PDB file of all heavy atoms in Angstrom:
ATOM      1  N   LEU A   1       2.101   5.675 -20.822  1.00  0.00           N
ATOM      2  CA  LEU A   1       2.428   4.346 -20.277  1.00  0.00           C
ATOM      3  C   LEU A   1       3.294   4.437 -19.038  1.00  0.00           C
ATOM      4  O   LEU A   1       3.116   3.713 -18.064  1.00  0.00           O
ATOM      5  CB  LEU A   1       3.135   3.496 -21.357  1.00  0.00           C
ATOM      6  CG  LEU A   1       2.265   2.981 -22.485  1.00  0.00           C
ATOM      7  CD1 LEU A   1       3.173   2.291 -23.539  1.00  0.00           C
ATOM      8  CD2 LEU A   1       1.220   2.039 -21.951  1.00  0.00           C
ATOM      9  N   LEU A   2       4.308   5.365 -19.096  1.00  0.00           N
ATOM     10  CA  LEU A   2       5.151   5.544 -17.909  1.00  0.00           C
ATOM     11  C   LEU A   2       4.367   6.047 -16.709  1.00  0.00           C
ATOM     12  O   LEU A   2       4.565   5.569 -15.585  1.00  0.00           O
ATOM     13  CB  LEU A   2       6.289   6.565 -18.237  1.00  0.00           C
ATOM     14  CG  LEU A   2       7.388   6.049 -19.116  1.00  0.00           C
ATOM     15  CD1 LEU A   2       8.376   7.194 -19.433  1.00  0.00           C
ATOM     16  CD2 LEU A   2       8.149   4.919 -18.437  1.00  0.00           C
ATOM     17  N   TYR A   3       3.416   6.944 -16.990  1.00  0.00           N
ATOM     18  CA  TYR A   3       2.565   7.489 -15.907  1.00  0.00           C
ATOM     19  C   TYR A   3       1.752   6.376 -15.270  1.00  0.00           C
ATOM     20  O   TYR A   3       1.626   6.249 -14.055  1.00  0.00           O
ATOM     21  CB  TYR A   3       1.640   8.574 -16.441  1.00  0.00           C
ATOM     22  CG  TYR A   3       0.585   9.042 -15.456  1.00  0.00           C
ATOM     23  CD1 TYR A   3       0.934   9.930 -14.450  1.00  0.00           C
ATOM     24  CD2 TYR A   3      -0.699   8.549 -15.560  1.00  0.00           C
ATOM     25  CE1 TYR A   3      -0.042  10.344 -13.540  1.00  0.00           C
ATOM     26  CE2 TYR A   3      -1.656   8.967 -14.677  1.00  0.00           C
ATOM     27  CZ  TYR A   3      -1.351   9.839 -13.645  1.00  0.00           C
ATOM     28  OH  TYR A   3      -2.278  10.236 -12.749  1.00  0.00           O
ATOM     29  N   GLN A   4       1.139   5.542 -16.138  1.00  0.00           N
ATOM     30  CA  GLN A   4       0.327   4.459 -15.613  1.00  0.00           C
ATOM     31  C   GLN A   4       1.171   3.423 -14.863  1.00  0.00           C
ATOM     32  O   GLN A   4       0.755   2.876 -13.829  1.00  0.00           O
ATOM     33  CB  GLN A   4      -0.381   3.729 -16.808  1.00  0.00           C
ATOM     34  CG  GLN A   4      -1.436   4.574 -17.490  1.00  0.00           C
ATOM     35  CD  GLN A   4      -2.597   4.892 -16.550  1.00  0.00           C
ATOM     36  OE1 GLN A   4      -2.932   4.120 -15.640  1.00  0.00           O
ATOM     37  NE2 GLN A   4      -3.186   6.068 -16.740  1.00  0.00           N
ATOM     38  N   PHE A   5       2.392   3.220 -15.348  1.00  0.00           N
ATOM     39  CA  PHE A   5       3.302   2.263 -14.713  1.00  0.00           C
ATOM     40  C   PHE A   5       3.663   2.748 -13.279  1.00  0.00           C
ATOM     41  O   PHE A   5       3.524   2.016 -12.304  1.00  0.00           O
ATOM     42  CB  PHE A   5       4.553   2.109 -15.559  1.00  0.00           C
ATOM     43  CG  PHE A   5       5.571   1.213 -14.904  1.00  0.00           C
ATOM     44  CD1 PHE A   5       5.446  -0.159 -14.833  1.00  0.00           C
ATOM     45  CD2 PHE A   5       6.737   1.778 -14.352  1.00  0.00           C
ATOM     46  CE1 PHE A   5       6.410  -0.965 -14.217  1.00  0.00           C
ATOM     47  CE2 PHE A   5       7.690   1.009 -13.748  1.00  0.00           C
ATOM     48  CZ  PHE A   5       7.536  -0.371 -13.706  1.00  0.00           C
ATOM     49  N   PHE A   6       4.145   3.966 -13.210  1.00  0.00           N
ATOM     50  CA  PHE A   6       4.547   4.501 -11.893  1.00  0.00           C
ATOM     51  C   PHE A   6       3.351   4.731 -10.979  1.00  0.00           C
ATOM     52  O   PHE A   6       3.450   4.547  -9.766  1.00  0.00           O
ATOM     53  CB  PHE A   6       5.292   5.818 -12.062  1.00  0.00           C
ATOM     54  CG  PHE A   6       6.715   5.653 -12.593  1.00  0.00           C
ATOM     55  CD1 PHE A   6       7.029   6.089 -13.854  1.00  0.00           C
ATOM     56  CD2 PHE A   6       7.644   4.985 -11.826  1.00  0.00           C
ATOM     57  CE1 PHE A   6       8.312   5.893 -14.353  1.00  0.00           C
ATOM     58  CE2 PHE A   6       8.916   4.794 -12.317  1.00  0.00           C
ATOM     59  CZ  PHE A   6       9.253   5.249 -13.607  1.00  0.00           C
ATOM     60  N   ASN A   7       2.194   5.080 -11.616  1.00  0.00           N
ATOM     61  CA  ASN A   7       0.988   5.251 -10.799  1.00  0.00           C
ATOM     62  C   ASN A   7       0.553   3.896 -10.214  1.00  0.00           C
ATOM     63  O   ASN A   7       0.128   3.782  -9.100  1.00  0.00           O
ATOM     64  CB  ASN A   7      -0.141   5.828 -11.640  1.00  0.00           C
ATOM     65  CG  ASN A   7      -1.312   6.312 -10.790  1.00  0.00           C
ATOM     66  OD1 ASN A   7      -1.117   7.035  -9.789  1.00  0.00           O
ATOM     67  ND2 ASN A   7      -2.516   5.872 -11.131  1.00  0.00           N
ATOM     68  N   GLY A   8       0.727   2.806 -11.018  1.00  0.00           N
ATOM     69  CA  GLY A   8       0.378   1.475 -10.549  1.00  0.00           C
ATOM     70  C   GLY A   8       1.323   1.072  -9.427  1.00  0.00           C
ATOM     71  O   GLY A   8       0.888   0.447  -8.455  1.00  0.00           O
ATOM     72  N   ILE A   9       2.610   1.414  -9.577  1.00  0.00           N
ATOM     73  CA  ILE A   9       3.582   1.112  -8.516  1.00  0.00           C
ATOM     74  C   ILE A   9       3.189   1.854  -7.222  1.00  0.00           C
ATOM     75  O   ILE A   9       3.199   1.254  -6.144  1.00  0.00           O
ATOM     76  CB  ILE A   9       5.006   1.493  -8.917  1.00  0.00           C
ATOM     77  CG1 ILE A   9       5.448   0.550 -10.082  1.00  0.00           C
ATOM     78  CG2 ILE A   9       5.959   1.417  -7.724  1.00  0.00           C
ATOM     79  CD1 ILE A   9       6.815   0.931 -10.596  1.00  0.00           C
ATOM     80  N   GLN A  10       2.799   3.121  -7.378  1.00  0.00           N
ATOM     81  CA  GLN A  10       2.352   3.884  -6.222  1.00  0.00           C
ATOM     82  C   GLN A  10       1.152   3.259  -5.535  1.00  0.00           C
ATOM     83  O   GLN A  10       1.043   3.181  -4.332  1.00  0.00           O
ATOM     84  CB  GLN A  10       2.058   5.307  -6.623  1.00  0.00           C
ATOM     85  CG  GLN A  10       3.327   6.160  -6.871  1.00  0.00           C
ATOM     86  CD  GLN A  10       2.987   7.639  -7.110  1.00  0.00           C
ATOM     87  OE1 GLN A  10       1.959   7.917  -7.709  1.00  0.00           O
ATOM     88  NE2 GLN A  10       3.832   8.497  -6.616  1.00  0.00           N
ATOM     89  N   ASP A  11       0.179   2.808  -6.366  1.00  0.00           N
ATOM     90  CA  ASP A  11      -1.023   2.161  -5.842  1.00  0.00           C
ATOM     91  C   ASP A  11      -0.651   0.902  -5.079  1.00  0.00           C
ATOM     92  O   ASP A  11      -1.213   0.637  -4.022  1.00  0.00           O
ATOM     93  CB  ASP A  11      -1.983   1.865  -6.957  1.00  0.00           C
ATOM     94  CG  ASP A  11      -2.687   3.125  -7.504  1.00  0.00           C
ATOM     95  OD1 ASP A  11      -2.651   4.147  -6.776  1.00  0.00           O
ATOM     96  OD2 ASP A  11      -3.265   3.041  -8.598  1.00  0.00           O
ATOM     97  N   MET A  12       0.280   0.128  -5.681  1.00  0.00           N
ATOM     98  CA  MET A  12       0.719  -1.081  -4.976  1.00  0.00           C
ATOM     99  C   MET A  12       1.395  -0.748  -3.668  1.00  0.00           C
ATOM    100  O   MET A  12       1.137  -1.371  -2.633  1.00  0.00           O
ATOM    101  CB  MET A  12       1.663  -1.852  -5.874  1.00  0.00           C
ATOM    102  CG  MET A  12       0.982  -2.522  -7.091  1.00  0.00           C
ATOM    103  SD  MET A  12       2.159  -3.335  -8.183  1.00  0.00           S
ATOM    104  CE  MET A  12       2.860  -4.566  -7.090  1.00  0.00           C
ATOM    105  N   ASN A  13       2.282   0.273  -3.678  1.00  0.00           N
ATOM    106  CA  ASN A  13       2.975   0.659  -2.429  1.00  0.00           C
ATOM    107  C   ASN A  13       2.006   1.184  -1.410  1.00  0.00           C
ATOM    108  O   ASN A  13       2.084   0.900  -0.223  1.00  0.00           O
ATOM    109  CB  ASN A  13       4.018   1.743  -2.730  1.00  0.00           C
ATOM    110  CG  ASN A  13       5.214   1.189  -3.501  1.00  0.00           C
ATOM    111  OD1 ASN A  13       5.441  -0.014  -3.461  1.00  0.00           O
ATOM    112  ND2 ASN A  13       5.943   2.066  -4.187  1.00  0.00           N
ATOM    113  N   ARG A  14       1.034   1.969  -1.895  1.00  0.00           N
ATOM    114  CA  ARG A  14      -0.020   2.529  -1.031  1.00  0.00           C
ATOM    115  C   ARG A  14      -0.799   1.415  -0.346  1.00  0.00           C
ATOM    116  O   ARG A  14      -1.035   1.419   0.874  1.00  0.00           O
ATOM    117  CB  ARG A  14      -0.905   3.429  -1.811  1.00  0.00           C
ATOM    118  CG  ARG A  14      -1.932   4.213  -1.012  1.00  0.00           C
ATOM    119  CD  ARG A  14      -2.629   5.236  -1.864  1.00  0.00           C
ATOM    120  NE  ARG A  14      -3.532   6.022  -1.088  1.00  0.00           N
ATOM    121  CZ  ARG A  14      -4.741   5.633  -0.708  1.00  0.00           C
ATOM    122  NH1 ARG A  14      -5.205   4.462  -1.133  1.00  0.00           N
ATOM    123  NH2 ARG A  14      -5.534   6.410   0.054  1.00  0.00           N
ATOM    124  N   LYS A  15      -1.192   0.384  -1.144  1.00  0.00           N
ATOM    125  CA  LYS A  15      -1.925  -0.739  -0.619  1.00  0.00           C
ATOM    126  C   LYS A  15      -1.085  -1.516   0.410  1.00  0.00           C
ATOM    127  O   LYS A  15      -1.576  -1.951   1.474  1.00  0.00           O
ATOM    128  CB  LYS A  15      -2.379  -1.665  -1.730  1.00  0.00           C
ATOM    129  CG  LYS A  15      -3.216  -2.855  -1.258  1.00  0.00           C
ATOM    130  CD  LYS A  15      -3.641  -3.694  -2.440  1.00  0.00           C
ATOM    131  CE  LYS A  15      -4.568  -4.829  -1.997  1.00  0.00           C
ATOM    132  NZ  LYS A  15      -3.936  -5.727  -0.989  1.00  0.00           N
ATOM    133  N   ASP A  16       0.195  -1.692   0.069  1.00  0.00           N
ATOM    134  CA  ASP A  16       1.086  -2.412   0.981  1.00  0.00           C
ATOM    135  C   ASP A  16       1.175  -1.691   2.339  1.00  0.00           C
ATOM    136  O   ASP A  16       1.154  -2.310   3.390  1.00  0.00           O
ATOM    137  CB  ASP A  16       2.468  -2.557   0.361  1.00  0.00           C
ATOM    138  CG  ASP A  16       2.488  -3.558  -0.792  1.00  0.00           C
ATOM    139  OD1 ASP A  16       1.524  -4.352  -0.878  1.00  0.00           O
ATOM    140  OD2 ASP A  16       3.427  -3.516  -1.613  1.00  0.00           O
ATOM    141  N   TYR A  17       1.345  -0.381   2.263  1.00  0.00           N
ATOM    142  CA  TYR A  17       1.469   0.414   3.511  1.00  0.00           C
ATOM    143  C   TYR A  17       0.164   0.317   4.347  1.00  0.00           C
ATOM    144  O   TYR A  17       0.211   0.127   5.564  1.00  0.00           O
ATOM    145  CB  TYR A  17       1.773   1.886   3.171  1.00  0.00           C
ATOM    146  CG  TYR A  17       3.146   2.104   2.624  1.00  0.00           C
ATOM    147  CD1 TYR A  17       3.360   3.089   1.641  1.00  0.00           C
ATOM    148  CD2 TYR A  17       4.227   1.381   3.096  1.00  0.00           C
ATOM    149  CE1 TYR A  17       4.632   3.286   1.115  1.00  0.00           C
ATOM    150  CE2 TYR A  17       5.524   1.577   2.565  1.00  0.00           C
ATOM    151  CZ  TYR A  17       5.709   2.547   1.586  1.00  0.00           C
ATOM    152  OH  TYR A  17       6.956   2.763   1.046  1.00  0.00           O
ATOM    153  N   ILE A  18      -0.975   0.461   3.653  1.00  0.00           N
ATOM    154  CA  ILE A  18      -2.222   0.408   4.367  1.00  0.00           C
ATOM    155  C   ILE A  18      -2.464  -0.974   4.975  1.00  0.00           C
ATOM    156  O   ILE A  18      -2.916  -1.105   6.138  1.00  0.00           O
ATOM    157  CB  ILE A  18      -3.407   0.812   3.413  1.00  0.00           C
ATOM    158  CG1 ILE A  18      -3.308   2.299   3.078  1.00  0.00           C
ATOM    159  CG2 ILE A  18      -4.764   0.491   4.061  1.00  0.00           C
ATOM    160  CD1 ILE A  18      -4.348   2.768   2.033  1.00  0.00           C
ATOM    161  N   ASP A  19      -2.105  -2.002   4.214  1.00  0.00           N
ATOM    162  CA  ASP A  19      -2.257  -3.374   4.766  1.00  0.00           C
ATOM    163  C   ASP A  19      -1.358  -3.616   5.951  1.00  0.00           C
ATOM    164  O   ASP A  19      -1.761  -4.250   6.939  1.00  0.00           O
ATOM    165  CB  ASP A  19      -1.947  -4.403   3.664  1.00  0.00           C
ATOM    166  CG  ASP A  19      -3.019  -4.467   2.595  1.00  0.00           C
ATOM    167  OD1 ASP A  19      -4.125  -3.930   2.844  1.00  0.00           O
ATOM    168  OD2 ASP A  19      -2.754  -5.066   1.499  1.00  0.00           O
ATOM    169  N   LYS A  20      -0.114  -3.054   5.895  1.00  0.00           N
ATOM    170  CA  LYS A  20       0.803  -3.235   6.995  1.00  0.00           C
ATOM    171  C   LYS A  20       0.310  -2.493   8.232  1.00  0.00           C
ATOM    172  O   LYS A  20       0.330  -3.038   9.345  1.00  0.00           O
ATOM    173  CB  LYS A  20       2.173  -2.696   6.576  1.00  0.00           C
ATOM    174  CG  LYS A  20       3.245  -2.861   7.646  1.00  0.00           C
ATOM    175  CD  LYS A  20       4.588  -2.274   7.267  1.00  0.00           C
ATOM    176  CE  LYS A  20       5.246  -3.173   6.245  1.00  0.00           C
ATOM    177  NZ  LYS A  20       6.655  -2.738   5.990  1.00  0.00           N
ATOM    178  N   ILE A  21      -0.187  -1.294   8.033  1.00  0.00           N
ATOM    179  CA  ILE A  21      -0.738  -0.519   9.144  1.00  0.00           C
ATOM    180  C   ILE A  21      -1.910  -1.254   9.794  1.00  0.00           C
ATOM    181  O   ILE A  21      -1.983  -1.368  11.038  1.00  0.00           O
ATOM    182  CB  ILE A  21      -1.176   0.883   8.662  1.00  0.00           C
ATOM    183  CG1 ILE A  21       0.019   1.708   8.231  1.00  0.00           C
ATOM    184  CG2 ILE A  21      -1.963   1.583   9.767  1.00  0.00           C
ATOM    185  CD1 ILE A  21      -0.334   2.988   7.516  1.00  0.00           C
ATOM    186  N   ALA A  22      -2.815  -1.755   8.952  1.00  0.00           N
ATOM    187  CA  ALA A  22      -3.991  -2.474   9.428  1.00  0.00           C
ATOM    188  C   ALA A  22      -3.584  -3.719  10.224  1.00  0.00           C
ATOM    189  O   ALA A  22      -4.164  -4.047  11.289  1.00  0.00           O
ATOM    190  CB  ALA A  22      -4.911  -2.852   8.294  1.00  0.00           C
ATOM    191  N   LYS A  23      -2.544  -4.439   9.733  1.00  0.00           N
ATOM    192  CA  LYS A  23      -2.105  -5.661  10.402  1.00  0.00           C
ATOM    193  C   LYS A  23      -1.547  -5.360  11.808  1.00  0.00           C
ATOM    194  O   LYS A  23      -1.906  -6.018  12.783  1.00  0.00           O
ATOM    195  CB  LYS A  23      -1.015  -6.330   9.549  1.00  0.00           C
ATOM    196  CG  LYS A  23      -0.467  -7.618  10.187  1.00  0.00           C
ATOM    197  CD  LYS A  23       0.649  -8.231   9.364  1.00  0.00           C
ATOM    198  CE  LYS A  23       1.909  -7.401   9.477  1.00  0.00           C
ATOM    199  NZ  LYS A  23       3.037  -8.083   8.785  1.00  0.00           N
ATOM    200  N   TYR A  24      -0.701  -4.333  11.883  1.00  0.00           N
ATOM    201  CA  TYR A  24      -0.081  -4.038  13.174  1.00  0.00           C
ATOM    202  C   TYR A  24      -1.073  -3.414  14.156  1.00  0.00           C
ATOM    203  O   TYR A  24      -1.019  -3.674  15.370  1.00  0.00           O
ATOM    204  CB  TYR A  24       1.130  -3.120  12.972  1.00  0.00           C
ATOM    205  CG  TYR A  24       2.312  -3.832  12.403  1.00  0.00           C
ATOM    206  CD1 TYR A  24       2.849  -3.510  11.176  1.00  0.00           C
ATOM    207  CD2 TYR A  24       2.901  -4.928  13.088  1.00  0.00           C
ATOM    208  CE1 TYR A  24       3.949  -4.179  10.638  1.00  0.00           C
ATOM    209  CE2 TYR A  24       3.969  -5.623  12.554  1.00  0.00           C
ATOM    210  CZ  TYR A  24       4.504  -5.247  11.336  1.00  0.00           C
ATOM    211  OH  TYR A  24       5.544  -5.925  10.830  1.00  0.00           O
ATOM    212  N   LEU A  25      -1.998  -2.607  13.665  1.00  0.00           N
ATOM    213  CA  LEU A  25      -3.030  -2.036  14.559  1.00  0.00           C
ATOM    214  C   LEU A  25      -3.915  -3.161  15.115  1.00  0.00           C
ATOM    215  O   LEU A  25      -4.253  -3.163  16.299  1.00  0.00           O
ATOM    216  CB  LEU A  25      -3.876  -1.006  13.827  1.00  0.00           C
ATOM    217  CG  LEU A  25      -3.215   0.344  13.537  1.00  0.00           C
ATOM    218  CD1 LEU A  25      -4.139   1.226  12.740  1.00  0.00           C
ATOM    219  CD2 LEU A  25      -2.756   1.053  14.815  1.00  0.00           C
ATOM    220  N   ALA A  26      -4.269  -4.104  14.285  1.00  0.00           N
ATOM    221  CA  ALA A  26      -5.089  -5.246  14.703  1.00  0.00           C
ATOM    222  C   ALA A  26      -4.357  -6.046  15.781  1.00  0.00           C
ATOM    223  O   ALA A  26      -4.911  -6.530  16.754  1.00  0.00           O
ATOM    224  CB  ALA A  26      -5.505  -6.118  13.537  1.00  0.00           C
ATOM    225  N   ARG A  27      -3.034  -6.227  15.556  1.00  0.00           N
ATOM    226  CA  ARG A  27      -2.214  -6.997  16.505  1.00  0.00           C
ATOM    227  C   ARG A  27      -2.202  -6.298  17.864  1.00  0.00           C
ATOM    228  O   ARG A  27      -2.227  -6.912  18.903  1.00  0.00           O
ATOM    229  CB  ARG A  27      -0.814  -7.134  15.912  1.00  0.00           C
ATOM    230  CG  ARG A  27       0.125  -7.952  16.776  1.00  0.00           C
ATOM    231  CD  ARG A  27       1.461  -8.117  16.102  1.00  0.00           C
ATOM    232  NE  ARG A  27       1.376  -8.948  14.912  1.00  0.00           N
ATOM    233  CZ  ARG A  27       2.389  -9.218  14.117  1.00  0.00           C
ATOM    234  NH1 ARG A  27       3.587  -8.683  14.367  1.00  0.00           N
ATOM    235  NH2 ARG A  27       2.273  -9.999  13.093  1.00  0.00           N
ATOM    236  N   PHE A  28      -2.136  -4.956  17.812  1.00  0.00           N
ATOM    237  CA  PHE A  28      -2.123  -4.167  19.032  1.00  0.00           C
ATOM    238  C   PHE A  28      -3.434  -4.324  19.803  1.00  0.00           C
ATOM    239  O   PHE A  28      -3.447  -4.463  21.050  1.00  0.00           O
ATOM    240  CB  PHE A  28      -1.849  -2.685  18.723  1.00  0.00           C
ATOM    241  CG  PHE A  28      -1.833  -1.814  19.910  1.00  0.00           C
ATOM    242  CD1 PHE A  28      -0.956  -2.079  20.979  1.00  0.00           C
ATOM    243  CD2 PHE A  28      -2.659  -0.720  19.990  1.00  0.00           C
ATOM    244  CE1 PHE A  28      -0.913  -1.250  22.096  1.00  0.00           C
ATOM    245  CE2 PHE A  28      -2.648   0.110  21.129  1.00  0.00           C
ATOM    246  CZ  PHE A  28      -1.771  -0.154  22.150  1.00  0.00           C
ATOM    247  N   VAL A  29      -4.535  -4.320  19.081  1.00  0.00           N
ATOM    248  CA  VAL A  29      -5.854  -4.517  19.727  1.00  0.00           C
ATOM    249  C   VAL A  29      -5.907  -5.862  20.425  1.00  0.00           C
ATOM    250  O   VAL A  29      -6.375  -5.963  21.553  1.00  0.00           O
ATOM    251  CB  VAL A  29      -7.002  -4.391  18.668  1.00  0.00           C
ATOM    252  CG1 VAL A  29      -8.317  -4.861  19.279  1.00  0.00           C
ATOM    253  CG2 VAL A  29      -7.082  -2.951  18.179  1.00  0.00           C
TER     254      VAL A  29
END
């Protein structure tokens, strides 16, 4: 359960980072 919890947090953080990168790159274009 701890593994799934932290893995879920990592997935959320990973998605947040990718979304932020995509947003700023699109703004630059």
